[in-house]
Amino acid sequence: MTVQIVHVRTKDDAAEVRLLVGEFVGWLHRTYPEGVAEIDAYFRAQGLADQMRNLLAVFSPPRADCLLARLDGAAVGVVMVKPHSDGTCEMNRMFVRDSARGKGIGRALVAELLQTAAALGYRRMLLAAGPRHTEALRLYAGFGFVQDDNLPDTGAGEIEVRMVRAL
């Protein structure tokens, strides 16, 4: 089992990210069936469709990045970092396919993203996750993220747990 984390810089990698993000949205719909309208409104407000069309421009240094996880060569996970405010960035779109969970993919993505964000010059990272993202919330806590309900709402409202950590 070989895990590889790559910084997305090619059209082929970007296409795989788009597929994974589509799977992530589907997973959210299945996990929060009562919140489908709010989830879709959140992604419209975030400009997700435009972000995905322009992925290589939007999620690239010097202010952002996108990481793709491969397991034995197959794309299985994604995570992004984008600017939030002065010195602060936001982790976005963390997703690992069900078939690859429990293999350290999420851990490898978060570890690389934290290093990437620090190299981009950020001093603090925020994230928001749904309360039913139990595996992810445990993972984030293990990396030193702490829940902070005073952080700004990312647009998901009631269905998010907001967390932060220093870099």
Protein backbone atom coordinates (compact mmCIF):
# COMPACT_ATOMS: atom_id res chain seq x y z
CA MET A 1 0.00 0.00 0.00
CA THR A 2 1.59 3.23 -1.20
CA VAL A 3 0.15 6.61 -0.19
CA GLN A 4 1.23 9.65 -2.18
CA ILE A 5 0.16 13.26 -1.59
CA VAL A 6 0.58 15.56 -4.59
CA HIS A 7 0.11 19.29 -5.03
CA VAL A 8 -2.42 19.66 -7.84
CA ARG A 9 -0.73 21.36 -10.80
CA THR A 10 -1.96 19.44 -13.86
CA LYS A 11 -5.26 19.29 -15.73
CA ASP A 12 -5.43 15.53 -15.11
CA ASP A 13 -5.02 15.97 -11.35
CA ALA A 14 -7.57 18.80 -11.38
CA ALA A 15 -10.08 16.53 -13.15
CA GLU A 16 -9.64 13.92 -10.43
CA VAL A 17 -10.15 16.59 -7.76
CA ARG A 18 -13.41 17.66 -9.42
CA LEU A 19 -14.65 14.07 -9.28
CA LEU A 20 -13.73 13.76 -5.61
CA VAL A 21 -15.40 17.07 -4.75
CA GLY A 22 -18.53 15.85 -6.53
CA GLU A 23 -18.41 12.69 -4.43
CA PHE A 24 -17.94 14.84 -1.32
CA VAL A 25 -21.09 16.85 -2.12
CA GLY A 26 -22.98 13.58 -2.65
CA TRP A 27 -21.67 12.26 0.68
CA LEU A 28 -22.86 15.45 2.41
CA HIS A 29 -26.32 15.03 0.86
CA ARG A 30 -26.52 11.44 2.13
CA THR A 31 -25.14 12.33 5.57
CA TYR A 32 -27.36 15.39 6.06
CA PRO A 33 -30.53 14.58 4.04
CA GLU A 34 -32.52 17.16 5.99
CA GLY A 35 -30.02 19.86 5.00
CA VAL A 36 -29.64 19.32 1.24
CA ALA A 37 -31.10 22.75 0.38
CA GLU A 38 -28.79 24.49 2.86
CA ILE A 39 -25.76 22.53 1.63
CA ASP A 40 -26.48 23.47 -1.97
CA ALA A 41 -27.04 27.12 -1.00
CA TYR A 42 -23.74 27.11 0.89
CA PHE A 43 -21.84 25.79 -2.13
CA ARG A 44 -23.54 28.33 -4.43
CA ALA A 45 -22.58 31.15 -2.05
CA GLN A 46 -19.01 29.83 -1.94
CA GLY A 47 -18.87 29.77 -5.75
CA LEU A 48 -17.97 26.08 -5.80
CA ALA A 49 -18.80 25.62 -9.50
CA ASP A 50 -16.49 28.51 -10.47
CA GLN A 51 -13.81 27.26 -8.07
CA MET A 52 -13.89 23.84 -9.71
CA ARG A 53 -13.84 25.28 -13.26
CA ASN A 54 -10.82 27.42 -12.35
CA LEU A 55 -9.26 25.06 -9.83
CA LEU A 56 -5.66 25.41 -11.02
CA ALA A 57 -5.84 29.20 -10.74
CA VAL A 58 -7.92 29.45 -7.56
CA PHE A 59 -6.11 26.82 -5.48
CA SER A 60 -2.47 27.51 -6.20
CA PRO A 61 0.36 29.36 -4.48
CA PRO A 62 1.13 31.92 -3.29
CA ARG A 63 -2.17 32.14 -1.35
CA ALA A 64 -3.85 28.75 -1.73
CA ASP A 65 -3.23 25.11 -2.65
CA CYS A 66 -4.98 21.83 -3.37
CA LEU A 67 -3.69 18.40 -2.35
CA LEU A 68 -4.66 15.11 -3.93
CA ALA A 69 -4.12 11.78 -2.17
CA ARG A 70 -3.36 8.66 -4.16
CA LEU A 71 -3.47 5.12 -2.82
CA ASP A 72 -1.52 2.73 -5.04
CA GLY A 73 -1.86 5.29 -7.82
CA ALA A 74 -5.63 5.81 -7.56
CA ALA A 75 -7.03 9.20 -6.49
CA VAL A 76 -8.80 8.70 -3.15
CA GLY A 77 -8.71 11.97 -1.23
CA VAL A 78 -8.55 15.73 -1.46
CA VAL A 79 -8.10 18.78 0.75
CA MET A 80 -7.65 22.47 -0.02
CA VAL A 81 -6.35 25.54 1.75
CA LYS A 82 -7.49 29.06 0.93
CA PRO A 83 -7.00 32.51 2.45
CA HIS A 84 -9.41 33.59 5.14
CA SER A 85 -8.04 36.80 6.66
CA ASP A 86 -4.68 38.36 7.44
CA GLY A 87 -2.37 35.53 8.50
CA THR A 88 -5.24 33.05 8.66
CA CYS A 89 -6.23 30.37 6.17
CA GLU A 90 -9.09 27.91 5.96
CA MET A 91 -9.01 24.16 5.35
CA ASN A 92 -11.60 23.26 2.73
CA ARG A 93 -13.19 20.23 1.07
CA MET A 94 -11.42 17.54 3.09
CA PHE A 95 -12.69 14.23 1.72
CA VAL A 96 -11.49 10.63 1.56
CA ARG A 97 -13.40 7.98 -0.36
CA ASP A 98 -15.05 5.35 1.84
CA SER A 99 -12.92 2.64 0.22
CA ALA A 100 -9.74 4.38 1.42
CA ARG A 101 -10.78 5.30 4.96
CA GLY A 102 -8.84 3.81 7.84
CA LYS A 103 -5.60 3.72 5.83
CA GLY A 104 -4.04 6.98 7.06
CA ILE A 105 -5.05 9.01 4.00
CA GLY A 106 -6.80 11.76 5.97
CA ARG A 107 -3.89 11.96 8.39
CA ALA A 108 -1.41 12.29 5.51
CA LEU A 109 -3.52 14.99 3.82
CA VAL A 110 -3.86 17.07 7.00
CA ALA A 111 -0.17 16.75 7.87
CA GLU A 112 0.88 17.92 4.40
CA LEU A 113 -1.74 20.70 4.37
CA LEU A 114 -0.47 22.09 7.68
CA GLN A 115 3.09 22.19 6.31
CA THR A 116 1.86 23.74 3.07
CA ALA A 117 -0.12 26.45 4.87
CA ALA A 118 2.85 27.35 7.06
CA ALA A 119 5.10 27.51 3.97
CA LEU A 120 2.55 29.88 2.37
CA GLY A 121 3.07 32.16 5.37
CA TYR A 122 -0.12 31.53 7.31
CA ARG A 123 0.02 31.58 11.12
CA ARG A 124 -3.40 30.12 11.89
CA MET A 125 -5.82 27.68 10.24
CA LEU A 126 -9.59 27.53 10.59
CA LEU A 127 -11.93 24.80 9.47
CA ALA A 128 -15.60 23.97 9.63
CA ALA A 129 -17.00 20.45 9.59
CA GLY A 130 -20.43 18.99 10.06
CA PRO A 131 -21.24 17.49 13.46
CA ARG A 132 -21.66 14.05 11.84
CA HIS A 133 -18.09 14.12 10.49
CA THR A 134 -17.07 12.11 13.56
CA GLU A 135 -13.90 10.56 12.08
CA ALA A 136 -12.73 13.90 10.71
CA LEU A 137 -13.45 15.78 13.94
CA ARG A 138 -11.35 13.25 15.89
CA LEU A 139 -8.58 13.57 13.31
CA TYR A 140 -8.58 17.37 13.53
CA ALA A 141 -8.50 17.28 17.33
CA GLY A 142 -5.55 14.89 17.11
CA PHE A 143 -3.71 17.55 15.09
CA GLY A 144 -4.38 20.17 17.78
CA PHE A 145 -7.49 21.84 16.36
CA VAL A 146 -9.88 23.05 19.06
CA GLN A 147 -13.54 23.90 18.74
CA ASP A 148 -14.24 27.64 18.84
CA ASP A 149 -17.86 28.68 18.43
CA ASN A 150 -16.76 32.33 18.35
CA LEU A 151 -15.13 31.87 14.94
CA PRO A 152 -17.03 33.44 12.05
CA ASP A 153 -19.78 31.38 10.45
CA THR A 154 -18.54 30.02 7.12
CA GLY A 155 -22.03 30.07 5.69
CA ALA A 156 -23.14 26.59 6.73
CA GLY A 157 -24.85 27.96 9.84
CA GLU A 158 -26.18 25.45 12.33
CA ILE A 159 -24.66 22.40 10.64
CA GLU A 160 -21.02 23.17 11.31
CA VAL A 161 -18.43 22.72 14.02
CA ARG A 162 -15.81 25.49 13.79
CA MET A 163 -12.24 24.68 14.82
CA VAL A 164 -8.88 26.49 14.84
CA ARG A 165 -5.19 25.90 15.49
CA ALA A 166 -1.95 27.83 15.27
CA LEU A 167 0.55 26.84 12.60
